[in-house]
Amino acid sequence: MSDVMVAVRKIDLQDGDVLQLGEGAFPPAELPRFIDQLRHVVGERRVMVIMGDVRQLSEADMNAAGWYRK
């Protein structure tokens, strides 16, 4: 990864968590490498990574993360 600092607000990621990165936190081309490294940290836990506004998720994305409308 390039020399980019990323502010982390939550480091105890649990299954089903969403990790929201600020838009422009680092170059979008680096996202696959970031996710690959994150897999080493979270193991089998399902973590969704979003760069930018969480409101960009579709209903299908939210359902996949275990979020259901009530």
N, C-alpha and C. Protein backbone atom coordinates (compact mmCIF):
# COMPACT_ATOMS: atom_id res chain seq x y z
N MET A 1 0.84 -1.18 0.00
CA MET A 1 0.00 0.00 0.00
C MET A 1 0.88 1.24 0.00
N SER A 2 0.36 2.29 -0.51
CA SER A 2 1.11 3.54 -0.51
C SER A 2 1.18 4.11 0.90
N ASP A 3 1.96 5.14 1.08
CA ASP A 3 2.11 5.76 2.39
C ASP A 3 0.92 6.65 2.70
N VAL A 4 -0.16 6.03 3.17
CA VAL A 4 -1.39 6.75 3.45
C VAL A 4 -1.81 6.43 4.87
N MET A 5 -2.17 7.46 5.61
CA MET A 5 -2.67 7.27 6.97
C MET A 5 -4.19 7.15 6.93
N VAL A 6 -4.73 6.14 7.60
CA VAL A 6 -6.16 5.94 7.65
C VAL A 6 -6.58 6.00 9.11
N ALA A 7 -7.51 6.89 9.44
CA ALA A 7 -8.01 6.99 10.81
C ALA A 7 -8.98 5.84 11.05
N VAL A 8 -8.76 5.09 12.11
CA VAL A 8 -9.62 3.96 12.44
C VAL A 8 -10.39 4.32 13.69
N ARG A 9 -11.70 4.21 13.61
CA ARG A 9 -12.55 4.54 14.76
C ARG A 9 -12.94 3.31 15.55
N LYS A 10 -13.00 2.16 14.91
CA LYS A 10 -13.38 0.95 15.61
C LYS A 10 -12.41 -0.15 15.22
N ILE A 11 -11.78 -0.76 16.19
CA ILE A 11 -10.80 -1.78 15.87
C ILE A 11 -11.23 -3.17 16.30
N ASP A 12 -12.30 -3.28 17.09
CA ASP A 12 -12.80 -4.58 17.54
C ASP A 12 -13.95 -4.99 16.63
N LEU A 13 -13.64 -5.39 15.41
CA LEU A 13 -14.66 -5.71 14.43
C LEU A 13 -15.32 -7.05 14.75
N GLN A 14 -16.64 -7.05 14.69
CA GLN A 14 -17.42 -8.25 14.95
C GLN A 14 -18.10 -8.70 13.66
N ASP A 15 -18.58 -9.93 13.64
CA ASP A 15 -19.27 -10.47 12.48
C ASP A 15 -20.47 -9.57 12.13
N GLY A 16 -20.54 -9.16 10.87
CA GLY A 16 -21.64 -8.32 10.41
C GLY A 16 -21.40 -6.83 10.51
N ASP A 17 -20.24 -6.41 11.03
CA ASP A 17 -19.94 -4.99 11.14
C ASP A 17 -19.69 -4.36 9.77
N VAL A 18 -19.89 -3.06 9.71
CA VAL A 18 -19.60 -2.29 8.51
C VAL A 18 -18.46 -1.34 8.86
N LEU A 19 -17.42 -1.37 8.07
CA LEU A 19 -16.28 -0.48 8.25
C LEU A 19 -16.42 0.62 7.21
N GLN A 20 -16.72 1.83 7.69
CA GLN A 20 -16.93 2.96 6.79
C GLN A 20 -15.66 3.78 6.72
N LEU A 21 -15.08 3.84 5.52
CA LEU A 21 -13.90 4.65 5.27
C LEU A 21 -14.35 5.96 4.67
N GLY A 22 -13.75 7.03 5.09
CA GLY A 22 -14.10 8.33 4.53
C GLY A 22 -13.79 8.37 3.04
N GLU A 23 -14.65 9.02 2.30
CA GLU A 23 -14.42 9.16 0.87
C GLU A 23 -13.10 9.89 0.67
N GLY A 24 -12.23 9.30 -0.12
CA GLY A 24 -10.92 9.88 -0.34
C GLY A 24 -9.92 9.53 0.74
N ALA A 25 -10.26 8.55 1.61
CA ALA A 25 -9.34 8.14 2.67
C ALA A 25 -8.02 7.66 2.08
N PHE A 26 -8.10 7.00 0.96
CA PHE A 26 -6.93 6.60 0.18
C PHE A 26 -7.40 6.28 -1.22
N PRO A 27 -6.49 6.13 -2.16
CA PRO A 27 -6.91 5.92 -3.56
C PRO A 27 -7.78 4.67 -3.71
N PRO A 28 -8.90 4.78 -4.44
CA PRO A 28 -9.79 3.62 -4.62
C PRO A 28 -9.08 2.40 -5.19
N ALA A 29 -8.04 2.59 -5.96
CA ALA A 29 -7.30 1.46 -6.51
C ALA A 29 -6.62 0.64 -5.41
N GLU A 30 -6.43 1.22 -4.23
CA GLU A 30 -5.79 0.53 -3.11
C GLU A 30 -6.79 -0.27 -2.28
N LEU A 31 -8.09 -0.07 -2.52
CA LEU A 31 -9.11 -0.75 -1.71
C LEU A 31 -8.97 -2.28 -1.73
N PRO A 32 -8.76 -2.92 -2.89
CA PRO A 32 -8.60 -4.38 -2.87
C PRO A 32 -7.44 -4.85 -1.98
N ARG A 33 -6.35 -4.12 -1.99
CA ARG A 33 -5.22 -4.49 -1.12
C ARG A 33 -5.57 -4.30 0.35
N PHE A 34 -6.29 -3.23 0.66
CA PHE A 34 -6.72 -2.98 2.03
C PHE A 34 -7.62 -4.12 2.51
N ILE A 35 -8.58 -4.52 1.66
CA ILE A 35 -9.51 -5.59 2.03
C ILE A 35 -8.76 -6.91 2.21
N ASP A 36 -7.80 -7.17 1.36
CA ASP A 36 -7.00 -8.39 1.49
C ASP A 36 -6.29 -8.42 2.83
N GLN A 37 -5.71 -7.31 3.24
CA GLN A 37 -5.03 -7.24 4.53
C GLN A 37 -6.03 -7.34 5.69
N LEU A 38 -7.19 -6.75 5.51
CA LEU A 38 -8.23 -6.81 6.54
C LEU A 38 -8.68 -8.24 6.80
N ARG A 39 -8.70 -9.05 5.76
CA ARG A 39 -9.09 -10.47 5.91
C ARG A 39 -8.18 -11.18 6.89
N HIS A 40 -6.92 -10.81 6.93
CA HIS A 40 -5.98 -11.42 7.87
C HIS A 40 -6.32 -11.05 9.31
N VAL A 41 -6.91 -9.88 9.50
CA VAL A 41 -7.25 -9.39 10.83
C VAL A 41 -8.58 -9.96 11.31
N VAL A 42 -9.58 -10.00 10.44
CA VAL A 42 -10.93 -10.38 10.88
C VAL A 42 -11.19 -11.87 10.77
N GLY A 43 -10.35 -12.59 10.05
CA GLY A 43 -10.54 -14.04 9.93
C GLY A 43 -11.85 -14.39 9.25
N GLU A 44 -12.65 -15.21 9.91
CA GLU A 44 -13.92 -15.70 9.35
C GLU A 44 -15.08 -14.73 9.52
N ARG A 45 -14.88 -13.66 10.28
CA ARG A 45 -15.96 -12.70 10.50
C ARG A 45 -16.30 -11.97 9.21
N ARG A 46 -17.59 -11.75 9.00
CA ARG A 46 -18.05 -11.00 7.83
C ARG A 46 -18.03 -9.52 8.15
N VAL A 47 -17.25 -8.76 7.40
CA VAL A 47 -17.15 -7.32 7.58
C VAL A 47 -17.32 -6.66 6.22
N MET A 48 -18.23 -5.70 6.14
CA MET A 48 -18.46 -4.97 4.90
C MET A 48 -17.65 -3.69 4.95
N VAL A 49 -16.94 -3.39 3.86
CA VAL A 49 -16.13 -2.18 3.78
C VAL A 49 -16.78 -1.24 2.78
N ILE A 50 -17.03 -0.01 3.22
CA ILE A 50 -17.64 1.01 2.36
C ILE A 50 -16.73 2.22 2.36
N MET A 51 -16.46 2.72 1.18
CA MET A 51 -15.70 3.96 1.08
C MET A 51 -16.69 5.06 0.73
N GLY A 52 -16.90 5.99 1.63
CA GLY A 52 -17.86 7.06 1.41
C GLY A 52 -19.08 6.89 2.31
N ASP A 53 -20.20 7.40 1.85
CA ASP A 53 -21.44 7.44 2.63
C ASP A 53 -22.12 6.08 2.70
N VAL A 54 -22.43 5.63 3.92
CA VAL A 54 -23.08 4.33 4.12
C VAL A 54 -24.47 4.29 3.47
N ARG A 55 -25.05 5.44 3.21
CA ARG A 55 -26.38 5.48 2.59
C ARG A 55 -26.35 5.04 1.13
N GLN A 56 -25.16 4.81 0.57
CA GLN A 56 -25.06 4.34 -0.81
C GLN A 56 -25.40 2.86 -0.95
N LEU A 57 -25.52 2.15 0.18
CA LEU A 57 -25.83 0.72 0.13
C LEU A 57 -27.24 0.47 -0.39
N SER A 58 -27.37 -0.57 -1.19
CA SER A 58 -28.69 -0.97 -1.66
C SER A 58 -29.36 -1.82 -0.57
N GLU A 59 -30.64 -2.05 -0.72
CA GLU A 59 -31.35 -2.90 0.24
C GLU A 59 -30.77 -4.31 0.23
N ALA A 60 -30.38 -4.80 -0.93
CA ALA A 60 -29.77 -6.14 -1.03
C ALA A 60 -28.45 -6.19 -0.26
N ASP A 61 -27.64 -5.11 -0.35
CA ASP A 61 -26.39 -5.04 0.41
C ASP A 61 -26.66 -5.07 1.91
N MET A 62 -27.67 -4.31 2.33
CA MET A 62 -28.01 -4.27 3.75
C MET A 62 -28.51 -5.64 4.22
N ASN A 63 -29.32 -6.30 3.42
CA ASN A 63 -29.80 -7.63 3.79
C ASN A 63 -28.65 -8.61 3.91
N ALA A 64 -27.67 -8.52 2.99
CA ALA A 64 -26.51 -9.41 3.04
C ALA A 64 -25.70 -9.21 4.31
N ALA A 65 -25.72 -7.99 4.84
CA ALA A 65 -25.00 -7.69 6.08
C ALA A 65 -25.83 -8.02 7.32
N GLY A 66 -27.04 -8.50 7.11
CA GLY A 66 -27.90 -8.85 8.24
C GLY A 66 -28.75 -7.71 8.74
N TRP A 67 -28.88 -6.64 7.97
CA TRP A 67 -29.73 -5.51 8.33
C TRP A 67 -31.06 -5.69 7.64
N TYR A 68 -32.12 -5.71 8.38
CA TYR A 68 -33.45 -5.90 7.81
C TYR A 68 -34.34 -4.75 8.25
N ARG A 69 -35.15 -4.27 7.31
CA ARG A 69 -36.10 -3.20 7.65
C ARG A 69 -37.18 -3.77 8.55
N LYS A 70 -37.61 -2.97 9.49
CA LYS A 70 -38.69 -3.41 10.40
C LYS A 70 -39.91 -2.56 10.19
